[in-house]
Amino acid sequence: MTPPRRSPCPISCTLDLIGDRWTLLIIRDMMFSDKQRFEEFLESPEGISTNILANRLKLLEELGLVEKQPYSNHSRRMNYQLTAEGKSLRPVLKVMAAWGLKHLDGTSLPPSNQIKE
């Protein structure tokens, strides 16, 4: 489900895929806070709604950035994990975090969200 491209610009095309206000935060939570379950993503301080979270997880799976696997006998309980392609966004998130820490007063990384190598 790749959206139509507005231009051949790689920045524009990337933003069309992951540039909304929630997608990179879900990836952040998987990457730096080891969140894997739907309920864990809902605990993030930004307060994503359940319908948007479900939509973004489905989109991330369709884009090949996330894969899901059942974690119990209940068919609707899933663990979500980044694929290699999803993990390749690590440098992007690290640079965004570093920029925010340097240029935006009052920002910090909580202990559970430290950006590790």
N, C-alpha and C. Protein backbone atom coordinates (compact mmCIF):
# COMPACT_ATOMS: atom_id res chain seq x y z
N MET A 1 0.82 -1.18 0.00
CA MET A 1 0.00 0.00 0.00
C MET A 1 0.87 1.25 0.00
N THR A 2 1.72 1.38 -0.96
CA THR A 2 2.57 2.54 -1.09
C THR A 2 1.77 3.68 -1.69
N PRO A 3 1.76 4.84 -1.02
CA PRO A 3 1.01 5.96 -1.57
C PRO A 3 1.62 6.45 -2.88
N PRO A 4 0.82 7.11 -3.70
CA PRO A 4 1.38 7.65 -4.94
C PRO A 4 2.44 8.69 -4.62
N ARG A 5 3.44 8.76 -5.44
CA ARG A 5 4.53 9.72 -5.22
C ARG A 5 4.16 11.09 -5.76
N ARG A 6 4.43 12.08 -4.95
CA ARG A 6 4.17 13.46 -5.37
C ARG A 6 5.30 13.98 -6.24
N SER A 7 6.48 13.42 -6.03
CA SER A 7 7.66 13.82 -6.80
C SER A 7 8.70 12.72 -6.65
N PRO A 8 9.78 12.77 -7.42
CA PRO A 8 10.84 11.77 -7.25
C PRO A 8 11.80 12.08 -6.11
N CYS A 9 11.57 13.17 -5.38
CA CYS A 9 12.45 13.56 -4.28
C CYS A 9 12.45 12.48 -3.20
N PRO A 10 13.61 11.96 -2.81
CA PRO A 10 13.65 10.90 -1.80
C PRO A 10 13.14 11.35 -0.43
N ILE A 11 13.31 12.63 -0.09
CA ILE A 11 12.79 13.12 1.18
C ILE A 11 11.26 13.12 1.14
N SER A 12 10.70 13.61 0.06
CA SER A 12 9.25 13.62 -0.09
C SER A 12 8.68 12.21 -0.05
N CYS A 13 9.31 11.30 -0.77
CA CYS A 13 8.82 9.91 -0.82
C CYS A 13 8.90 9.24 0.55
N THR A 14 9.98 9.50 1.29
CA THR A 14 10.13 8.94 2.63
C THR A 14 9.07 9.51 3.57
N LEU A 15 8.85 10.82 3.48
CA LEU A 15 7.82 11.43 4.32
C LEU A 15 6.43 10.90 4.00
N ASP A 16 6.18 10.58 2.75
CA ASP A 16 4.89 9.99 2.39
C ASP A 16 4.68 8.66 3.10
N LEU A 17 5.75 7.94 3.40
CA LEU A 17 5.64 6.64 4.06
C LEU A 17 5.63 6.75 5.58
N ILE A 18 6.53 7.56 6.14
CA ILE A 18 6.70 7.55 7.60
C ILE A 18 6.63 8.94 8.22
N GLY A 19 6.12 9.91 7.49
CA GLY A 19 6.18 11.29 7.95
C GLY A 19 4.97 11.80 8.70
N ASP A 20 4.04 10.95 9.05
CA ASP A 20 2.90 11.43 9.84
C ASP A 20 3.33 11.60 11.30
N ARG A 21 2.44 12.02 12.14
CA ARG A 21 2.84 12.36 13.51
C ARG A 21 3.01 11.15 14.42
N TRP A 22 2.67 9.93 13.98
CA TRP A 22 2.70 8.77 14.86
C TRP A 22 3.70 7.69 14.46
N THR A 23 3.95 7.51 13.19
CA THR A 23 4.70 6.35 12.71
C THR A 23 6.10 6.26 13.32
N LEU A 24 6.86 7.34 13.29
CA LEU A 24 8.22 7.28 13.84
C LEU A 24 8.22 7.09 15.36
N LEU A 25 7.15 7.51 16.03
CA LEU A 25 7.07 7.29 17.47
C LEU A 25 6.84 5.81 17.79
N ILE A 26 6.07 5.14 16.96
CA ILE A 26 5.89 3.69 17.13
C ILE A 26 7.20 2.98 16.88
N ILE A 27 7.90 3.38 15.83
CA ILE A 27 9.21 2.78 15.54
C ILE A 27 10.19 3.08 16.67
N ARG A 28 10.16 4.31 17.18
CA ARG A 28 11.01 4.67 18.33
C ARG A 28 10.76 3.74 19.51
N ASP A 29 9.48 3.50 19.81
CA ASP A 29 9.16 2.64 20.94
C ASP A 29 9.65 1.22 20.75
N MET A 30 9.57 0.71 19.54
CA MET A 30 10.08 -0.63 19.26
C MET A 30 11.60 -0.66 19.36
N MET A 31 12.23 0.36 18.82
CA MET A 31 13.68 0.37 18.70
C MET A 31 14.38 0.65 20.02
N PHE A 32 13.90 1.63 20.77
CA PHE A 32 14.64 2.08 21.94
C PHE A 32 14.00 1.69 23.27
N SER A 33 12.72 1.32 23.27
CA SER A 33 12.06 0.94 24.51
C SER A 33 11.62 -0.52 24.50
N ASP A 34 11.97 -1.23 23.45
CA ASP A 34 11.67 -2.67 23.32
C ASP A 34 10.18 -2.98 23.47
N LYS A 35 9.32 -2.07 23.06
CA LYS A 35 7.89 -2.34 23.10
C LYS A 35 7.54 -3.26 21.93
N GLN A 36 6.64 -4.21 22.18
CA GLN A 36 6.25 -5.18 21.16
C GLN A 36 4.75 -5.38 21.08
N ARG A 37 4.02 -5.04 22.11
CA ARG A 37 2.59 -5.36 22.16
C ARG A 37 1.75 -4.09 22.08
N PHE A 38 0.58 -4.27 21.52
CA PHE A 38 -0.36 -3.17 21.31
C PHE A 38 -0.53 -2.34 22.58
N GLU A 39 -0.77 -3.01 23.69
CA GLU A 39 -0.99 -2.32 24.96
C GLU A 39 0.21 -1.50 25.39
N GLU A 40 1.41 -1.98 25.08
CA GLU A 40 2.63 -1.26 25.45
C GLU A 40 2.74 0.06 24.68
N PHE A 41 2.36 0.04 23.41
CA PHE A 41 2.42 1.27 22.62
C PHE A 41 1.43 2.31 23.16
N LEU A 42 0.31 1.86 23.68
CA LEU A 42 -0.69 2.77 24.22
C LEU A 42 -0.20 3.48 25.48
N GLU A 43 0.81 2.93 26.15
CA GLU A 43 1.35 3.52 27.37
C GLU A 43 2.31 4.69 27.10
N SER A 44 2.67 4.92 25.85
CA SER A 44 3.61 6.00 25.53
C SER A 44 2.99 7.35 25.89
N PRO A 45 3.80 8.31 26.31
CA PRO A 45 3.27 9.59 26.80
C PRO A 45 2.52 10.42 25.76
N GLU A 46 2.71 10.15 24.49
CA GLU A 46 2.06 10.96 23.45
C GLU A 46 0.57 10.67 23.32
N GLY A 47 0.11 9.53 23.83
CA GLY A 47 -1.32 9.24 23.88
C GLY A 47 -1.97 8.90 22.55
N ILE A 48 -1.42 7.99 21.82
CA ILE A 48 -2.01 7.57 20.55
C ILE A 48 -3.33 6.83 20.80
N SER A 49 -4.31 7.06 19.94
CA SER A 49 -5.59 6.36 20.09
C SER A 49 -5.50 4.96 19.51
N THR A 50 -6.37 4.09 19.95
CA THR A 50 -6.31 2.68 19.53
C THR A 50 -6.52 2.52 18.03
N ASN A 51 -7.44 3.29 17.44
CA ASN A 51 -7.69 3.13 16.00
C ASN A 51 -6.51 3.61 15.17
N ILE A 52 -5.85 4.68 15.58
CA ILE A 52 -4.68 5.16 14.84
C ILE A 52 -3.53 4.18 15.02
N LEU A 53 -3.33 3.68 16.22
CA LEU A 53 -2.27 2.70 16.46
C LEU A 53 -2.47 1.46 15.60
N ALA A 54 -3.67 0.94 15.56
CA ALA A 54 -3.95 -0.25 14.74
C ALA A 54 -3.67 0.04 13.27
N ASN A 55 -4.07 1.21 12.81
CA ASN A 55 -3.83 1.60 11.42
C ASN A 55 -2.35 1.69 11.11
N ARG A 56 -1.59 2.33 12.00
CA ARG A 56 -0.15 2.52 11.75
C ARG A 56 0.61 1.19 11.81
N LEU A 57 0.24 0.32 12.74
CA LEU A 57 0.90 -0.99 12.80
C LEU A 57 0.64 -1.79 11.52
N LYS A 58 -0.59 -1.73 11.04
CA LYS A 58 -0.92 -2.42 9.79
C LYS A 58 -0.13 -1.83 8.62
N LEU A 59 -0.05 -0.51 8.56
CA LEU A 59 0.72 0.15 7.50
C LEU A 59 2.19 -0.23 7.57
N LEU A 60 2.77 -0.20 8.77
CA LEU A 60 4.18 -0.56 8.93
C LEU A 60 4.44 -1.99 8.49
N GLU A 61 3.50 -2.86 8.76
CA GLU A 61 3.63 -4.25 8.32
C GLU A 61 3.56 -4.33 6.79
N GLU A 62 2.62 -3.62 6.19
CA GLU A 62 2.49 -3.62 4.73
C GLU A 62 3.72 -3.04 4.05
N LEU A 63 4.37 -2.08 4.70
CA LEU A 63 5.57 -1.47 4.15
C LEU A 63 6.82 -2.33 4.36
N GLY A 64 6.69 -3.40 5.13
CA GLY A 64 7.82 -4.28 5.39
C GLY A 64 8.77 -3.77 6.46
N LEU A 65 8.32 -2.80 7.26
CA LEU A 65 9.15 -2.27 8.34
C LEU A 65 8.94 -3.00 9.65
N VAL A 66 7.79 -3.67 9.76
CA VAL A 66 7.41 -4.38 10.98
C VAL A 66 6.84 -5.73 10.60
N GLU A 67 7.08 -6.71 11.45
CA GLU A 67 6.43 -8.01 11.28
C GLU A 67 5.74 -8.35 12.58
N LYS A 68 4.65 -9.11 12.46
CA LYS A 68 3.92 -9.48 13.68
C LYS A 68 3.87 -10.99 13.80
N GLN A 69 3.83 -11.43 15.05
CA GLN A 69 3.76 -12.85 15.36
C GLN A 69 2.86 -13.01 16.58
N PRO A 70 2.01 -14.05 16.58
CA PRO A 70 1.16 -14.26 17.75
C PRO A 70 2.00 -14.61 18.98
N TYR A 71 1.58 -14.11 20.15
CA TYR A 71 2.32 -14.43 21.37
C TYR A 71 1.51 -15.27 22.34
N SER A 72 0.32 -15.66 21.95
CA SER A 72 -0.47 -16.57 22.79
C SER A 72 -1.39 -17.37 21.88
N ASN A 73 -2.22 -18.18 22.48
CA ASN A 73 -3.18 -18.96 21.70
C ASN A 73 -4.29 -18.09 21.13
N HIS A 74 -4.43 -16.90 21.64
CA HIS A 74 -5.46 -15.98 21.14
C HIS A 74 -4.97 -15.38 19.83
N SER A 75 -5.72 -15.56 18.77
CA SER A 75 -5.27 -15.17 17.44
C SER A 75 -5.08 -13.67 17.25
N ARG A 76 -5.63 -12.85 18.13
CA ARG A 76 -5.53 -11.40 17.96
C ARG A 76 -4.41 -10.78 18.79
N ARG A 77 -3.73 -11.56 19.60
CA ARG A 77 -2.64 -11.02 20.42
C ARG A 77 -1.32 -11.19 19.68
N MET A 78 -0.72 -10.05 19.34
CA MET A 78 0.47 -10.08 18.50
C MET A 78 1.64 -9.35 19.15
N ASN A 79 2.82 -9.85 18.85
CA ASN A 79 4.05 -9.12 19.11
C ASN A 79 4.46 -8.48 17.80
N TYR A 80 4.88 -7.24 17.86
CA TYR A 80 5.36 -6.52 16.69
C TYR A 80 6.85 -6.29 16.85
N GLN A 81 7.59 -6.58 15.77
CA GLN A 81 9.04 -6.40 15.80
C GLN A 81 9.48 -5.75 14.50
N LEU A 82 10.53 -4.94 14.62
CA LEU A 82 11.08 -4.30 13.43
C LEU A 82 11.78 -5.34 12.56
N THR A 83 11.62 -5.20 11.27
CA THR A 83 12.37 -6.01 10.32
C THR A 83 13.74 -5.35 10.15
N ALA A 84 14.59 -5.95 9.36
CA ALA A 84 15.90 -5.34 9.08
C ALA A 84 15.72 -3.97 8.45
N GLU A 85 14.73 -3.85 7.57
CA GLU A 85 14.47 -2.56 6.93
C GLU A 85 13.99 -1.53 7.97
N GLY A 86 13.16 -1.96 8.90
CA GLY A 86 12.72 -1.06 9.97
C GLY A 86 13.88 -0.64 10.86
N LYS A 87 14.74 -1.60 11.18
CA LYS A 87 15.90 -1.30 12.02
C LYS A 87 16.87 -0.34 11.33
N SER A 88 16.83 -0.31 10.00
CA SER A 88 17.73 0.58 9.28
C SER A 88 17.37 2.05 9.49
N LEU A 89 16.25 2.34 10.13
CA LEU A 89 15.88 3.71 10.46
C LEU A 89 16.58 4.22 11.72
N ARG A 90 17.32 3.37 12.40
CA ARG A 90 18.02 3.76 13.64
C ARG A 90 18.83 5.04 13.48
N PRO A 91 19.68 5.16 12.46
CA PRO A 91 20.46 6.40 12.34
C PRO A 91 19.59 7.64 12.17
N VAL A 92 18.47 7.50 11.49
CA VAL A 92 17.55 8.63 11.30
C VAL A 92 17.00 9.09 12.65
N LEU A 93 16.53 8.15 13.45
CA LEU A 93 15.98 8.50 14.75
C LEU A 93 17.05 9.05 15.69
N LYS A 94 18.25 8.51 15.62
CA LYS A 94 19.33 9.01 16.47
C LYS A 94 19.67 10.46 16.13
N VAL A 95 19.72 10.77 14.84
CA VAL A 95 20.02 12.14 14.43
C VAL A 95 18.88 13.08 14.82
N MET A 96 17.64 12.63 14.67
CA MET A 96 16.51 13.46 15.08
C MET A 96 16.55 13.73 16.58
N ALA A 97 16.86 12.70 17.37
CA ALA A 97 16.94 12.88 18.83
C ALA A 97 18.07 13.85 19.18
N ALA A 98 19.21 13.68 18.56
CA ALA A 98 20.35 14.56 18.85
C ALA A 98 20.03 16.01 18.48
N TRP A 99 19.37 16.20 17.34
CA TRP A 99 18.99 17.55 16.93
C TRP A 99 18.02 18.15 17.96
N GLY A 100 17.02 17.39 18.36
CA GLY A 100 16.05 17.89 19.33
C GLY A 100 16.69 18.24 20.66
N LEU A 101 17.60 17.38 21.12
CA LEU A 101 18.29 17.65 22.39
C LEU A 101 19.10 18.94 22.30
N LYS A 102 19.69 19.19 21.15
CA LYS A 102 20.55 20.37 20.98
C LYS A 102 19.74 21.65 20.77
N HIS A 103 18.63 21.56 20.05
CA HIS A 103 17.95 22.78 19.61
C HIS A 103 16.59 23.06 20.26
N LEU A 104 16.03 22.11 20.99
CA LEU A 104 14.71 22.30 21.57
C LEU A 104 14.80 22.27 23.10
N ASP A 105 14.62 23.42 23.70
CA ASP A 105 14.68 23.52 25.16
C ASP A 105 13.67 22.59 25.80
N GLY A 106 14.06 21.98 26.91
CA GLY A 106 13.16 21.14 27.68
C GLY A 106 13.03 19.72 27.19
N THR A 107 13.81 19.33 26.18
CA THR A 107 13.73 17.95 25.71
C THR A 107 14.75 17.11 26.45
N SER A 108 14.41 15.84 26.62
CA SER A 108 15.32 14.89 27.27
C SER A 108 14.92 13.49 26.86
N LEU A 109 15.81 12.58 27.08
CA LEU A 109 15.53 11.17 26.83
C LEU A 109 15.27 10.51 28.17
N PRO A 110 14.07 9.95 28.36
CA PRO A 110 13.82 9.24 29.62
C PRO A 110 14.72 8.01 29.71
N PRO A 111 15.01 7.56 30.92
CA PRO A 111 15.92 6.40 31.08
C PRO A 111 15.47 5.18 30.28
N SER A 112 14.16 4.97 30.16
CA SER A 112 13.68 3.80 29.41
C SER A 112 13.77 4.00 27.91
N ASN A 113 14.18 5.18 27.47
CA ASN A 113 14.20 5.48 26.04
C ASN A 113 15.59 5.96 25.62
N GLN A 114 16.62 5.46 26.28
CA GLN A 114 17.97 5.86 25.92
C GLN A 114 18.32 5.31 24.54
N ILE A 115 19.00 6.11 23.78
CA ILE A 115 19.37 5.70 22.43
C ILE A 115 20.72 5.01 22.52
N LYS A 116 20.66 3.68 22.40
CA LYS A 116 21.86 2.87 22.50
C LYS A 116 22.39 2.55 21.10
N GLU A 117 23.65 2.28 21.07
CA GLU A 117 24.25 1.91 19.77
C GLU A 117 23.70 0.59 19.30
